């Protein structure tokens, strides 16, 4: 099932959406959740986007910072 979701996404959206916003054309290789699952995002096509590895790594780092910030406020 996951492979079919990835295939549909990359067929519909073959380029990294974040790179495209900046005028670059890089193939998407990562199925990314726009709203992370740990923040309540759904695991469906309305909450997915194609990203390249570089953009995915940067987005993941930002999400991790938010998670640490939230956890430190709860402590």
PDB file of N, CA and C in Angstrom:
ATOM      1  N   UNK A   1       0.820  -1.204   0.000  1.00  0.00           N
ATOM      2  CA  UNK A   1       0.000   0.000   0.000  1.00  0.00           C
ATOM      3  C   UNK A   1       0.861   1.263   0.000  1.00  0.00           C
ATOM      4  N   UNK A   2       1.874   1.306   0.846  1.00  0.00           N
ATOM      5  CA  UNK A   2       2.743   2.480   0.908  1.00  0.00           C
ATOM      6  C   UNK A   2       3.414   2.725  -0.440  1.00  0.00           C
ATOM      7  N   UNK A   3       3.876   1.658  -1.089  1.00  0.00           N
ATOM      8  CA  UNK A   3       4.520   1.818  -2.394  1.00  0.00           C
ATOM      9  C   UNK A   3       3.554   2.387  -3.429  1.00  0.00           C
ATOM     10  N   UNK A   4       2.274   1.964  -3.372  1.00  0.00           N
ATOM     11  CA  UNK A   4       1.281   2.515  -4.301  1.00  0.00           C
ATOM     12  C   UNK A   4       1.051   3.997  -4.036  1.00  0.00           C
ATOM     13  N   UNK A   5       1.027   4.382  -2.747  1.00  0.00           N
ATOM     14  CA  UNK A   5       0.838   5.799  -2.401  1.00  0.00           C
ATOM     15  C   UNK A   5       2.004   6.623  -2.940  1.00  0.00           C
ATOM     16  N   UNK A   6       3.223   6.114  -2.770  1.00  0.00           N
ATOM     17  CA  UNK A   6       4.412   6.814  -3.276  1.00  0.00           C
ATOM     18  C   UNK A   6       4.353   6.922  -4.803  1.00  0.00           C
ATOM     19  N   UNK A   7       4.001   5.832  -5.457  1.00  0.00           N
ATOM     20  CA  UNK A   7       3.931   5.827  -6.917  1.00  0.00           C
ATOM     21  C   UNK A   7       2.911   6.847  -7.428  1.00  0.00           C
ATOM     22  N   UNK A   8       1.737   6.879  -6.801  1.00  0.00           N
ATOM     23  CA  UNK A   8       0.707   7.860  -7.210  1.00  0.00           C
ATOM     24  C   UNK A   8       1.205   9.284  -6.997  1.00  0.00           C
ATOM     25  N   UNK A   9       1.833   9.536  -5.851  1.00  0.00           N
ATOM     26  CA  UNK A   9       2.326  10.882  -5.553  1.00  0.00           C
ATOM     27  C   UNK A   9       3.370  11.319  -6.576  1.00  0.00           C
ATOM     28  N   UNK A  10       4.371  10.472  -6.833  1.00  0.00           N
ATOM     29  CA  UNK A  10       5.453  10.872  -7.722  1.00  0.00           C
ATOM     30  C   UNK A  10       5.004  10.929  -9.181  1.00  0.00           C
ATOM     31  N   UNK A  11       3.955  10.213  -9.530  1.00  0.00           N
ATOM     32  CA  UNK A  11       3.381  10.321 -10.877  1.00  0.00           C
ATOM     33  C   UNK A  11       2.696  11.681 -11.021  1.00  0.00           C
ATOM     34  N   UNK A  12       1.955  12.050  -9.980  1.00  0.00           N
ATOM     35  CA  UNK A  12       1.212  13.313  -9.985  1.00  0.00           C
ATOM     36  C   UNK A  12       2.146  14.503  -9.747  1.00  0.00           C
ATOM     37  N   UNK A  13       3.168  14.312  -8.938  1.00  0.00           N
ATOM     38  CA  UNK A  13       4.021  15.406  -8.483  1.00  0.00           C
ATOM     39  C   UNK A  13       5.487  14.953  -8.507  1.00  0.00           C
ATOM     40  N   UNK A  14       6.110  14.880  -9.695  1.00  0.00           N
ATOM     41  CA  UNK A  14       7.454  14.307  -9.792  1.00  0.00           C
ATOM     42  C   UNK A  14       8.575  15.200  -9.256  1.00  0.00           C
ATOM     43  N   UNK A  15       8.306  16.482  -9.091  1.00  0.00           N
ATOM     44  CA  UNK A  15       9.353  17.408  -8.643  1.00  0.00           C
ATOM     45  C   UNK A  15       9.132  17.825  -7.188  1.00  0.00           C
ATOM     46  N   UNK A  16      10.228  18.120  -6.517  1.00  0.00           N
ATOM     47  CA  UNK A  16      10.181  18.600  -5.133  1.00  0.00           C
ATOM     48  C   UNK A  16       9.407  19.920  -5.076  1.00  0.00           C
ATOM     49  N   UNK A  17       8.368  19.962  -4.251  1.00  0.00           N
ATOM     50  CA  UNK A  17       7.530  21.166  -4.204  1.00  0.00           C
ATOM     51  C   UNK A  17       8.275  22.357  -3.603  1.00  0.00           C
ATOM     52  N   UNK A  18       9.165  22.124  -2.660  1.00  0.00           N
ATOM     53  CA  UNK A  18       9.900  23.237  -2.048  1.00  0.00           C
ATOM     54  C   UNK A  18      10.951  23.799  -3.001  1.00  0.00           C
ATOM     55  N   UNK A  19      11.624  22.936  -3.729  1.00  0.00           N
ATOM     56  CA  UNK A  19      12.579  23.411  -4.740  1.00  0.00           C
ATOM     57  C   UNK A  19      11.857  24.216  -5.817  1.00  0.00           C
ATOM     58  N   UNK A  20      10.706  23.720  -6.259  1.00  0.00           N
ATOM     59  CA  UNK A  20       9.960  24.422  -7.310  1.00  0.00           C
ATOM     60  C   UNK A  20       9.586  25.830  -6.870  1.00  0.00           C
ATOM     61  N   UNK A  21       9.246  26.003  -5.593  1.00  0.00           N
ATOM     62  CA  UNK A  21       8.914  27.353  -5.096  1.00  0.00           C
ATOM     63  C   UNK A  21      10.083  28.306  -5.236  1.00  0.00           C
ATOM     64  N   UNK A  22      11.291  27.747  -5.253  1.00  0.00           N
ATOM     65  CA  UNK A  22      12.502  28.560  -5.368  1.00  0.00           C
ATOM     66  C   UNK A  22      13.099  28.528  -6.766  1.00  0.00           C
ATOM     67  N   UNK A  23      12.300  28.081  -7.737  1.00  0.00           N
ATOM     68  CA  UNK A  23      12.741  28.103  -9.119  1.00  0.00           C
ATOM     69  C   UNK A  23      13.708  26.997  -9.503  1.00  0.00           C
ATOM     70  N   UNK A  24      13.836  25.980  -8.670  1.00  0.00           N
ATOM     71  CA  UNK A  24      14.715  24.851  -8.987  1.00  0.00           C
ATOM     72  C   UNK A  24      13.869  23.651  -9.385  1.00  0.00           C
ATOM     73  N   UNK A  25      14.422  22.788 -10.193  1.00  0.00           N
ATOM     74  CA  UNK A  25      13.713  21.604 -10.672  1.00  0.00           C
ATOM     75  C   UNK A  25      14.504  20.362 -10.265  1.00  0.00           C
ATOM     76  N   UNK A  26      14.080  19.771  -9.146  1.00  0.00           N
ATOM     77  CA  UNK A  26      14.761  18.605  -8.583  1.00  0.00           C
ATOM     78  C   UNK A  26      13.714  17.510  -8.391  1.00  0.00           C
ATOM     79  N   UNK A  27      14.068  16.286  -8.763  1.00  0.00           N
ATOM     80  CA  UNK A  27      13.128  15.176  -8.599  1.00  0.00           C
ATOM     81  C   UNK A  27      12.805  14.926  -7.136  1.00  0.00           C
ATOM     82  N   UNK A  28      11.552  14.670  -6.879  1.00  0.00           N
ATOM     83  CA  UNK A  28      11.106  14.293  -5.538  1.00  0.00           C
ATOM     84  C   UNK A  28      11.428  12.815  -5.322  1.00  0.00           C
ATOM     85  N   UNK A  29      11.962  12.502  -4.162  1.00  0.00           N
ATOM     86  CA  UNK A  29      12.281  11.109  -3.829  1.00  0.00           C
ATOM     87  C   UNK A  29      11.679  10.699  -2.486  1.00  0.00           C
ATOM     88  N   UNK A  30      11.140  11.673  -1.763  1.00  0.00           N
ATOM     89  CA  UNK A  30      10.610  11.432  -0.426  1.00  0.00           C
ATOM     90  C   UNK A  30       9.130  11.769  -0.399  1.00  0.00           C
ATOM     91  N   UNK A  31       8.320  10.858   0.123  1.00  0.00           N
ATOM     92  CA  UNK A  31       6.894  11.142   0.376  1.00  0.00           C
ATOM     93  C   UNK A  31       6.826  11.758   1.771  1.00  0.00           C
ATOM     94  N   UNK A  32       6.558  13.039   1.805  1.00  0.00           N
ATOM     95  CA  UNK A  32       6.575  13.801   3.057  1.00  0.00           C
ATOM     96  C   UNK A  32       5.155  14.115   3.512  1.00  0.00           C
ATOM     97  N   UNK A  33       4.955  14.081   4.823  1.00  0.00           N
ATOM     98  CA  UNK A  33       3.680  14.524   5.399  1.00  0.00           C
ATOM     99  C   UNK A  33       3.790  16.026   5.653  1.00  0.00           C
ATOM    100  N   UNK A  34       2.912  16.795   5.035  1.00  0.00           N
ATOM    101  CA  UNK A  34       2.925  18.251   5.186  1.00  0.00           C
ATOM    102  C   UNK A  34       2.804  18.609   6.662  1.00  0.00           C
ATOM    103  N   UNK A  35       1.796  18.079   7.317  1.00  0.00           N
ATOM    104  CA  UNK A  35       1.669  18.182   8.771  1.00  0.00           C
ATOM    105  C   UNK A  35       2.151  16.845   9.322  1.00  0.00           C
ATOM    106  N   UNK A  36       3.236  16.849  10.069  1.00  0.00           N
ATOM    107  CA  UNK A  36       3.799  15.586  10.553  1.00  0.00           C
ATOM    108  C   UNK A  36       2.769  14.757  11.326  1.00  0.00           C
ATOM    109  N   UNK A  37       2.917  13.447  11.216  1.00  0.00           N
ATOM    110  CA  UNK A  37       2.007  12.553  11.922  1.00  0.00           C
ATOM    111  C   UNK A  37       2.025  12.822  13.421  1.00  0.00           C
ATOM    112  N   UNK A  38       3.221  13.104  13.980  1.00  0.00           N
ATOM    113  CA  UNK A  38       3.315  13.339  15.423  1.00  0.00           C
ATOM    114  C   UNK A  38       2.659  14.652  15.855  1.00  0.00           C
ATOM    115  N   UNK A  39       2.328  15.505  14.887  1.00  0.00           N
ATOM    116  CA  UNK A  39       1.622  16.746  15.183  1.00  0.00           C
ATOM    117  C   UNK A  39       0.146  16.646  14.790  1.00  0.00           C
ATOM    118  N   UNK A  40      -0.307  15.431  14.532  1.00  0.00           N
ATOM    119  CA  UNK A  40      -1.717  15.223  14.221  1.00  0.00           C
ATOM    120  C   UNK A  40      -2.064  15.143  12.755  1.00  0.00           C
ATOM    121  N   UNK A  41      -1.050  15.154  11.891  1.00  0.00           N
ATOM    122  CA  UNK A  41      -1.299  15.051  10.457  1.00  0.00           C
ATOM    123  C   UNK A  41      -1.825  13.680  10.076  1.00  0.00           C
ATOM    124  N   UNK A  42      -2.577  13.640   9.008  1.00  0.00           N
ATOM    125  CA  UNK A  42      -3.169  12.382   8.535  1.00  0.00           C
ATOM    126  C   UNK A  42      -2.217  11.705   7.561  1.00  0.00           C
ATOM    127  N   UNK A  43      -2.334  10.393   7.471  1.00  0.00           N
ATOM    128  CA  UNK A  43      -1.531   9.629   6.530  1.00  0.00           C
ATOM    129  C   UNK A  43      -2.364   9.353   5.278  1.00  0.00           C
ATOM    130  N   UNK A  44      -2.656  10.435   4.548  1.00  0.00           N
ATOM    131  CA  UNK A  44      -3.426  10.298   3.312  1.00  0.00           C
ATOM    132  C   UNK A  44      -2.921  11.308   2.292  1.00  0.00           C
ATOM    133  N   UNK A  45      -3.475  11.229   1.083  1.00  0.00           N
ATOM    134  CA  UNK A  45      -2.951  12.054  -0.010  1.00  0.00           C
ATOM    135  C   UNK A  45      -3.194  13.548   0.165  1.00  0.00           C
ATOM    136  N   UNK A  46      -4.117  13.934   1.036  1.00  0.00           N
ATOM    137  CA  UNK A  46      -4.330  15.374   1.270  1.00  0.00           C
ATOM    138  C   UNK A  46      -3.214  15.975   2.113  1.00  0.00           C
ATOM    139  N   UNK A  47      -2.441  15.117   2.777  1.00  0.00           N
ATOM    140  CA  UNK A  47      -1.378  15.586   3.667  1.00  0.00           C
ATOM    141  C   UNK A  47      -0.019  15.082   3.195  1.00  0.00           C
ATOM    142  N   UNK A  48       0.178  14.979   1.902  1.00  0.00           N
ATOM    143  CA  UNK A  48       1.464  14.510   1.405  1.00  0.00           C
ATOM    144  C   UNK A  48       1.984  15.439   0.329  1.00  0.00           C
ATOM    145  N   UNK A  49       3.295  15.454   0.219  1.00  0.00           N
ATOM    146  CA  UNK A  49       3.961  16.218  -0.823  1.00  0.00           C
ATOM    147  C   UNK A  49       5.267  15.519  -1.155  1.00  0.00           C
ATOM    148  N   UNK A  50       5.722  15.719  -2.365  1.00  0.00           N
ATOM    149  CA  UNK A  50       6.989  15.147  -2.775  1.00  0.00           C
ATOM    150  C   UNK A  50       8.119  16.117  -2.489  1.00  0.00           C
ATOM    151  N   UNK A  51       9.163  15.609  -1.843  1.00  0.00           N
ATOM    152  CA  UNK A  51      10.341  16.422  -1.545  1.00  0.00           C
ATOM    153  C   UNK A  51      11.600  15.700  -2.009  1.00  0.00           C
ATOM    154  N   UNK A  52      12.639  16.466  -2.270  1.00  0.00           N
ATOM    155  CA  UNK A  52      13.954  15.874  -2.515  1.00  0.00           C
ATOM    156  C   UNK A  52      14.574  15.572  -1.141  1.00  0.00           C
ATOM    157  N   UNK A  53      15.663  14.822  -1.145  1.00  0.00           N
ATOM    158  CA  UNK A  53      16.287  14.443   0.116  1.00  0.00           C
ATOM    159  C   UNK A  53      16.742  15.661   0.911  1.00  0.00           C
ATOM    160  N   UNK A  54      17.325  16.637   0.241  1.00  0.00           N
ATOM    161  CA  UNK A  54      17.839  17.829   0.916  1.00  0.00           C
ATOM    162  C   UNK A  54      16.722  18.614   1.609  1.00  0.00           C
ATOM    163  N   UNK A  55      15.623  18.847   0.901  1.00  0.00           N
ATOM    164  CA  UNK A  55      14.501  19.582   1.495  1.00  0.00           C
ATOM    165  C   UNK A  55      13.855  18.775   2.615  1.00  0.00           C
ATOM    166  N   UNK A  56      13.780  17.471   2.441  1.00  0.00           N
ATOM    167  CA  UNK A  56      13.213  16.617   3.480  1.00  0.00           C
ATOM    168  C   UNK A  56      14.060  16.688   4.744  1.00  0.00           C
ATOM    169  N   UNK A  57      15.384  16.632   4.584  1.00  0.00           N
ATOM    170  CA  UNK A  57      16.280  16.707   5.745  1.00  0.00           C
ATOM    171  C   UNK A  57      16.112  18.035   6.486  1.00  0.00           C
ATOM    172  N   UNK A  58      16.011  19.134   5.730  1.00  0.00           N
ATOM    173  CA  UNK A  58      15.852  20.450   6.351  1.00  0.00           C
ATOM    174  C   UNK A  58      14.508  20.557   7.068  1.00  0.00           C
ATOM    175  N   UNK A  59      13.447  20.049   6.449  1.00  0.00           N
ATOM    176  CA  UNK A  59      12.114  20.095   7.062  1.00  0.00           C
ATOM    177  C   UNK A  59      12.085  19.241   8.324  1.00  0.00           C
ATOM    178  N   UNK A  60      12.702  18.072   8.264  1.00  0.00           N
ATOM    179  CA  UNK A  60      12.747  17.183   9.428  1.00  0.00           C
ATOM    180  C   UNK A  60      13.492  17.848  10.579  1.00  0.00           C
ATOM    181  N   UNK A  61      14.582  18.547  10.284  1.00  0.00           N
ATOM    182  CA  UNK A  61      15.342  19.245  11.326  1.00  0.00           C
ATOM    183  C   UNK A  61      14.491  20.331  11.986  1.00  0.00           C
ATOM    184  N   UNK A  62      13.733  21.074  11.175  1.00  0.00           N
ATOM    185  CA  UNK A  62      12.849  22.113  11.733  1.00  0.00           C
ATOM    186  C   UNK A  62      11.753  21.494  12.601  1.00  0.00           C
ATOM    187  N   UNK A  63      11.200  20.384  12.159  1.00  0.00           N
ATOM    188  CA  UNK A  63      10.168  19.705  12.939  1.00  0.00           C
ATOM    189  C   UNK A  63      10.728  19.205  14.263  1.00  0.00           C
ATOM    190  N   UNK A  64      11.954  18.710  14.241  1.00  0.00           N
ATOM    191  CA  UNK A  64      12.596  18.235  15.468  1.00  0.00           C
ATOM    192  C   UNK A  64      12.799  19.391  16.452  1.00  0.00           C
ATOM    193  N   UNK A  65      13.190  20.551  15.939  1.00  0.00           N
ATOM    194  CA  UNK A  65      13.347  21.733  16.802  1.00  0.00           C
ATOM    195  C   UNK A  65      12.020  22.089  17.458  1.00  0.00           C
ATOM    196  N   UNK A  66      10.941  22.079  16.676  1.00  0.00           N
ATOM    197  CA  UNK A  66       9.617  22.379  17.243  1.00  0.00           C
ATOM    198  C   UNK A  66       9.262  21.375  18.323  1.00  0.00           C
ATOM    199  N   UNK A  67       9.543  20.110  18.063  1.00  0.00           N
ATOM    200  CA  UNK A  67       9.243  19.068  19.038  1.00  0.00           C
ATOM    201  C   UNK A  67      10.011  19.262  20.324  1.00  0.00           C
ATOM    202  N   UNK A  68      11.293  19.602  20.215  1.00  0.00           N
ATOM    203  CA  UNK A  68      12.103  19.848  21.422  1.00  0.00           C
ATOM    204  C   UNK A  68      11.589  21.063  22.177  1.00  0.00           C
ATOM    205  N   UNK A  69      11.192  22.103  21.441  1.00  0.00           N
ATOM    206  CA  UNK A  69      10.692  23.328  22.067  1.00  0.00           C
ATOM    207  C   UNK A  69       9.406  23.033  22.832  1.00  0.00           C
ATOM    208  N   UNK A  70       8.501  22.297  22.225  1.00  0.00           N
ATOM    209  CA  UNK A  70       7.229  21.945  22.880  1.00  0.00           C
ATOM    210  C   UNK A  70       7.480  21.097  24.107  1.00  0.00           C
ATOM    211  N   UNK A  71       8.383  20.133  23.980  1.00  0.00           N
ATOM    212  CA  UNK A  71       8.685  19.259  25.116  1.00  0.00           C
ATOM    213  C   UNK A  71       9.327  20.033  26.261  1.00  0.00           C
ATOM    214  N   UNK A  72      10.170  21.016  25.962  1.00  0.00           N
ATOM    215  CA  UNK A  72      10.800  21.790  27.033  1.00  0.00           C
ATOM    216  C   UNK A  72       9.784  22.684  27.740  1.00  0.00           C
ATOM    217  N   UNK A  73       8.753  23.138  27.028  1.00  0.00           N
ATOM    218  CA  UNK A  73       7.711  23.946  27.657  1.00  0.00           C
ATOM    219  C   UNK A  73       6.831  23.102  28.583  1.00  0.00           C
ATOM    220  N   UNK A  74       6.697  21.827  28.247  1.00  0.00           N
ATOM    221  CA  UNK A  74       5.877  20.930  29.067  1.00  0.00           C
ATOM    222  C   UNK A  74       6.581  20.486  30.329  1.00  0.00           C
ATOM    223  N   UNK A  75       7.906  20.529  30.327  1.00  0.00           N
ATOM    224  CA  UNK A  75       8.684  20.039  31.470  1.00  0.00           C
ATOM    225  C   UNK A  75       8.620  20.973  32.663  1.00  0.00           C
TER     226      UNK A  75
END
